[in-house]
Amino acid sequence: MAGAAGERSRKSTRRSTPTRMGSGVTQAPGHPEILRLTAPNPGAMTLEGTNTYLYGSDPCVVIDPGPDDAGHLEAVRAAAEERGGIGVVLLTHSHGDHADGAQRLGVEVVLPLDGEERGGLRAVATPGHAPDHVCLMSADRVCFSGDLVLGVGSTFVPPDGGSLTAYMDSLRRMQAEPIELICPGHGPWVEDPAAKLAEYVEHREMRERRLLAALERGERSREALLAEVWDDVPAEVRPAAALVMQAHLDKLAAESRFEANLQP
């Protein structure tokens, strides 16, 4: 699960044009070794659907096979056969919309550990959206970001008493990586990774500033805080926004910046 939270980030200027190859397969801009197939699971939390990637050839790596959807998995197999078959399936995290179809492909499935290299890709631990989340980096500076960064909108970060702090640390860790293209788990290619990562950090810091300002003013109603600070979020994703607000409150409490109890 990703979570665009109804917000649309400004789009980066495209430096090159992706190549469409038929049957829903798109080649990455400037990277013929990367193909994208989008699963048919669109929604408020998944945008157009989960992006599955094929990387390399003879054999290729499949990244995030997506949901257990027979048609999508058959399309992945067919595209992979044209690249010498599938050598290994790599996951960015274990959420079902990224991982449920993995075992159906009949090859080894790996959610790599931090620093582990498989199929020419290096795993970078990026917890926050999920405790087991990793990004996958290629030697030529392509990042498969899973749900750390989406093509548009913002990522759902659950309130588990530390996930937002971990998520912010993960964003800053990826800012230190030399990235030239982000292949997100949902949404379009990100061709200005530095700007997108900076935008993501600022977005969370903006929410925190607005939340703190309301709390310092004396607001203690959860409903009122959500309406004020997440005023740009449409109704269909308001429940997810309420959970994200709790993650912000958990972070502030852990940092001893807020202790008062809230009302419904």
Protein backbone atom coordinates (compact mmCIF):
# COMPACT_ATOMS: atom_id res chain seq x y z
CA MET A 1 0.00 0.00 0.00
CA ALA A 2 1.32 3.43 -0.86
CA GLY A 3 -1.04 6.30 -0.18
CA ALA A 4 -1.14 9.39 -2.32
CA ALA A 5 -3.34 11.04 0.33
CA GLY A 6 -5.03 12.97 -2.43
CA GLU A 7 -2.10 15.34 -2.83
CA ARG A 8 -0.40 15.93 -6.16
CA SER A 9 3.21 17.04 -6.12
CA ARG A 10 4.50 19.34 -8.84
CA LYS A 11 5.94 17.37 -11.74
CA SER A 12 9.61 17.57 -12.58
CA THR A 13 10.67 18.70 -16.04
CA ARG A 14 11.21 15.63 -18.19
CA ARG A 15 14.66 15.33 -19.71
CA SER A 16 13.74 12.45 -22.02
CA THR A 17 10.71 10.52 -23.24
CA PRO A 18 9.85 6.99 -22.05
CA THR A 19 9.36 4.45 -24.84
CA ARG A 20 6.08 2.54 -24.98
CA MET A 21 6.60 -0.99 -26.24
CA GLY A 22 3.04 -2.30 -26.48
CA SER A 23 1.02 -4.54 -24.14
CA GLY A 24 1.36 -2.00 -21.32
CA VAL A 25 5.17 -2.20 -21.25
CA THR A 26 7.10 1.08 -20.99
CA GLN A 27 10.86 1.53 -21.23
CA ALA A 28 12.52 3.85 -18.72
CA PRO A 29 13.71 7.20 -20.08
CA GLY A 30 17.37 6.82 -21.00
CA HIS A 31 17.53 3.28 -19.61
CA PRO A 32 16.65 0.52 -22.11
CA GLU A 33 17.62 -2.06 -19.48
CA ILE A 34 14.51 -1.13 -17.44
CA LEU A 35 10.91 -1.94 -18.35
CA ARG A 36 7.78 -1.05 -16.39
CA LEU A 37 4.43 -2.86 -16.29
CA THR A 38 1.64 -1.43 -14.14
CA ALA A 39 -0.71 -3.83 -12.37
CA PRO A 40 -4.49 -3.34 -12.72
CA ASN A 41 -5.03 -2.37 -9.07
CA PRO A 42 -5.76 1.36 -9.27
CA GLY A 43 -7.05 3.27 -6.27
CA ALA A 44 -6.63 6.23 -3.98
CA MET A 45 -3.74 4.46 -2.25
CA THR A 46 -2.13 2.89 -5.32
CA LEU A 47 -2.62 5.60 -7.99
CA GLU A 48 -2.80 3.91 -11.43
CA GLY A 49 -1.64 0.64 -9.85
CA THR A 50 1.54 -1.02 -8.64
CA ASN A 51 4.57 -0.64 -10.89
CA THR A 52 6.44 -3.86 -11.62
CA TYR A 53 9.91 -3.47 -13.11
CA LEU A 54 12.14 -5.71 -15.20
CA TYR A 55 15.84 -4.94 -14.88
CA GLY A 56 18.63 -6.28 -17.07
CA SER A 57 18.58 -9.42 -19.18
CA ASP A 58 19.85 -13.01 -19.60
CA PRO A 59 18.17 -13.38 -17.13
CA CYS A 60 16.37 -10.28 -15.89
CA VAL A 61 15.38 -9.25 -12.36
CA VAL A 62 11.71 -8.69 -11.57
CA ILE A 63 11.11 -6.01 -8.94
CA ASP A 64 7.80 -5.94 -7.02
CA PRO A 65 5.59 -8.34 -9.03
CA GLY A 66 2.52 -6.69 -7.54
CA PRO A 67 -0.80 -8.29 -6.57
CA ASP A 68 -1.77 -11.87 -7.32
CA ASP A 69 -3.38 -10.97 -10.63
CA ALA A 70 -3.16 -13.65 -13.32
CA GLY A 71 -3.23 -11.28 -16.27
CA HIS A 72 -0.55 -8.99 -14.86
CA LEU A 73 1.72 -11.88 -13.93
CA GLU A 74 1.35 -13.40 -17.38
CA ALA A 75 2.36 -10.06 -18.92
CA VAL A 76 5.39 -9.97 -16.63
CA ARG A 77 6.37 -13.51 -17.67
CA ALA A 78 5.97 -12.68 -21.35
CA ALA A 79 8.08 -9.52 -21.12
CA ALA A 80 10.71 -11.37 -19.09
CA GLU A 81 10.92 -14.21 -21.64
CA GLU A 82 11.99 -11.67 -24.25
CA ARG A 83 14.87 -10.78 -21.91
CA GLY A 84 16.09 -14.29 -21.24
CA GLY A 85 13.70 -15.23 -18.45
CA ILE A 86 13.57 -14.34 -14.76
CA GLY A 87 16.61 -14.89 -12.58
CA VAL A 88 15.25 -13.63 -9.27
CA VAL A 89 12.35 -11.62 -7.88
CA LEU A 90 13.33 -8.73 -5.59
CA LEU A 91 10.88 -6.99 -3.26
CA THR A 92 11.11 -3.47 -1.87
CA HIS A 93 8.82 -4.49 1.01
CA SER A 94 6.29 -7.13 1.92
CA HIS A 95 2.97 -5.29 1.44
CA GLY A 96 0.54 -7.32 -0.62
CA ASP A 97 0.14 -4.84 -3.45
CA HIS A 98 3.86 -5.30 -4.16
CA ALA A 99 4.50 -8.89 -3.10
CA ASP A 100 1.40 -11.11 -3.32
CA GLY A 101 2.11 -12.26 -6.86
CA ALA A 102 5.78 -13.05 -6.26
CA GLN A 103 5.55 -16.79 -5.59
CA ARG A 104 3.50 -17.33 -8.76
CA LEU A 105 6.53 -16.53 -10.92
CA GLY A 106 8.27 -19.75 -9.87
CA VAL A 107 11.71 -18.36 -9.03
CA GLU A 108 13.56 -17.30 -5.90
CA VAL A 109 11.94 -14.35 -4.10
CA VAL A 110 14.21 -12.11 -2.02
CA LEU A 111 13.57 -9.08 0.16
CA PRO A 112 17.23 -8.09 0.51
CA LEU A 113 18.89 -6.76 3.64
CA ASP A 114 20.67 -3.44 3.87
CA GLY A 115 23.80 -3.50 1.72
CA GLU A 116 22.96 -6.82 0.09
CA GLU A 117 23.50 -7.01 -3.67
CA ARG A 118 21.36 -9.19 -5.93
CA GLY A 119 21.04 -9.09 -9.69
CA GLY A 120 23.20 -6.01 -9.98
CA LEU A 121 21.13 -4.04 -7.47
CA ARG A 122 22.17 -2.86 -4.00
CA ALA A 123 19.61 -2.69 -1.19
CA VAL A 124 19.42 0.40 0.99
CA ALA A 125 17.32 0.02 4.14
CA THR A 126 14.59 2.68 4.16
CA PRO A 127 12.07 1.83 6.90
CA GLY A 128 9.11 4.05 7.67
CA HIS A 129 6.35 3.15 5.25
CA ALA A 130 7.05 -0.46 6.27
CA PRO A 131 9.61 -1.79 8.76
CA ASP A 132 11.18 -4.04 6.11
CA HIS A 133 11.28 -1.44 3.32
CA VAL A 134 14.35 -1.11 1.10
CA CYS A 135 15.22 0.87 -1.99
CA LEU A 136 17.21 -0.83 -4.74
CA MET A 137 20.10 1.05 -6.38
CA SER A 138 21.76 0.25 -9.68
CA ALA A 139 25.39 1.05 -10.45
CA ASP A 140 24.27 3.69 -12.95
CA ARG A 141 22.32 5.66 -10.33
CA VAL A 142 18.79 4.40 -10.82
CA CYS A 143 16.72 3.99 -7.65
CA PHE A 144 13.76 1.61 -7.43
CA SER A 145 12.05 3.40 -4.56
CA GLY A 146 9.11 1.15 -3.73
CA ASP A 147 6.79 3.24 -1.58
CA LEU A 148 9.43 5.52 -0.09
CA VAL A 149 8.77 7.99 -2.93
CA LEU A 150 5.85 7.98 -5.37
CA GLY A 151 5.65 9.52 -8.81
CA VAL A 152 2.97 11.91 -7.55
CA GLY A 153 1.45 12.57 -4.15
CA SER A 154 2.77 11.49 -0.78
CA THR A 155 3.33 8.13 0.89
CA PHE A 156 1.26 6.65 3.69
CA VAL A 157 3.31 6.39 6.90
CA PRO A 158 1.53 4.40 9.63
CA PRO A 159 1.49 5.35 13.33
CA ASP A 160 3.58 2.68 15.01
CA GLY A 161 5.36 4.92 17.50
CA GLY A 162 8.47 5.56 15.45
CA SER A 163 7.72 5.07 11.78
CA LEU A 164 7.66 8.76 10.83
CA THR A 165 11.06 9.37 12.41
CA ALA A 166 12.37 6.33 10.52
CA TYR A 167 10.74 7.55 7.33
CA MET A 168 12.35 10.99 7.58
CA ASP A 169 15.73 9.36 8.25
CA SER A 170 15.18 7.17 5.17
CA LEU A 171 14.44 10.17 2.96
CA ARG A 172 17.62 11.87 4.15
CA ARG A 173 19.62 8.70 3.62
CA MET A 174 18.48 8.57 0.01
CA GLN A 175 19.32 12.25 -0.41
CA ALA A 176 22.93 11.22 0.19
CA GLU A 177 22.79 8.69 -2.67
CA PRO A 178 23.77 9.83 -6.19
CA ILE A 179 20.42 9.22 -7.93
CA GLU A 180 19.62 10.22 -11.50
CA LEU A 181 16.27 8.47 -11.97
CA ILE A 182 13.66 7.17 -9.53
CA CYS A 183 11.44 4.27 -10.56
CA PRO A 184 8.62 4.52 -7.98
CA GLY A 185 6.29 1.81 -6.79
CA HIS A 186 3.33 3.88 -7.97
CA GLY A 187 3.07 6.71 -10.47
CA PRO A 188 5.34 8.06 -13.21
CA TRP A 189 9.13 8.17 -13.46
CA VAL A 190 10.86 10.79 -11.31
CA GLU A 191 13.53 12.46 -13.44
CA ASP A 192 14.64 15.07 -10.90
CA PRO A 193 15.28 12.91 -7.83
CA ALA A 194 16.99 15.65 -5.79
CA ALA A 195 14.02 17.96 -6.17
CA LYS A 196 11.53 15.19 -5.38
CA LEU A 197 13.35 14.08 -2.24
CA ALA A 198 13.66 17.68 -1.04
CA GLU A 199 9.95 18.14 -1.74
CA TYR A 200 9.11 15.04 0.29
CA VAL A 201 11.15 16.22 3.28
CA GLU A 202 9.61 19.70 3.13
CA HIS A 203 6.11 18.25 2.80
CA ARG A 204 6.41 16.34 6.09
CA GLU A 205 8.09 19.27 7.82
CA MET A 206 5.29 21.56 6.62
CA ARG A 207 2.67 19.24 8.12
CA GLU A 208 4.58 19.17 11.39
CA ARG A 209 4.89 22.96 11.52
CA ARG A 210 1.16 23.39 10.93
CA LEU A 211 0.27 20.72 13.48
CA LEU A 212 2.53 22.25 16.13
CA ALA A 213 1.12 25.71 15.47
CA ALA A 214 -2.43 24.44 16.03
CA LEU A 215 -1.44 22.56 19.18
CA GLU A 216 0.43 25.56 20.59
CA ARG A 217 -2.67 27.65 19.95
CA GLY A 218 -4.55 25.25 22.22
CA GLU A 219 -6.44 23.10 19.73
CA ARG A 220 -7.06 19.64 21.21
CA SER A 221 -9.75 18.19 18.96
CA ARG A 222 -8.48 15.50 16.62
CA GLU A 223 -11.22 16.26 14.13
CA ALA A 224 -10.37 19.96 14.12
CA LEU A 225 -6.64 19.31 13.82
CA LEU A 226 -7.19 17.01 10.85
CA ALA A 227 -9.49 19.51 9.16
CA GLU A 228 -7.00 22.34 9.63
CA VAL A 229 -3.67 20.68 8.90
CA TRP A 230 -4.82 18.21 6.21
CA ASP A 231 -7.33 20.61 4.66
CA ASP A 232 -6.21 19.68 1.12
CA VAL A 233 -7.02 15.97 1.50
CA PRO A 234 -10.22 14.70 -0.17
CA ALA A 235 -12.82 12.75 1.76
CA GLU A 236 -11.96 9.32 0.35
CA VAL A 237 -8.50 9.33 1.91
CA ARG A 238 -9.34 11.26 5.09
CA PRO A 239 -9.15 8.07 7.23
CA ALA A 240 -5.58 7.47 5.97
CA ALA A 241 -4.74 11.10 6.71
CA ALA A 242 -6.00 10.61 10.28
CA LEU A 243 -3.51 7.75 10.71
CA VAL A 244 -0.72 9.89 9.27
CA MET A 245 -1.62 12.63 11.76
CA GLN A 246 -1.28 10.08 14.56
CA ALA A 247 2.20 9.22 13.24
CA HIS A 248 3.11 12.91 13.49
CA LEU A 249 1.72 13.07 17.03
CA ASP A 250 3.69 9.94 17.99
CA LYS A 251 6.86 11.55 16.66
CA LEU A 252 6.26 14.76 18.58
CA ALA A 253 5.57 12.80 21.77
CA ALA A 254 8.74 10.73 21.33
CA GLU A 255 10.68 13.97 20.97
CA SER A 256 8.98 15.39 24.13
CA ARG A 257 7.47 18.20 22.07
CA PHE A 258 3.85 17.34 22.83
CA GLU A 259 2.32 15.49 25.77
CA ALA A 260 -1.29 16.63 26.21
CA ASN A 261 -4.18 14.24 25.54
CA LEU A 262 -6.46 14.96 22.61
CA GLN A 263 -10.22 14.80 22.32
CA PRO A 264 -12.07 13.06 19.47
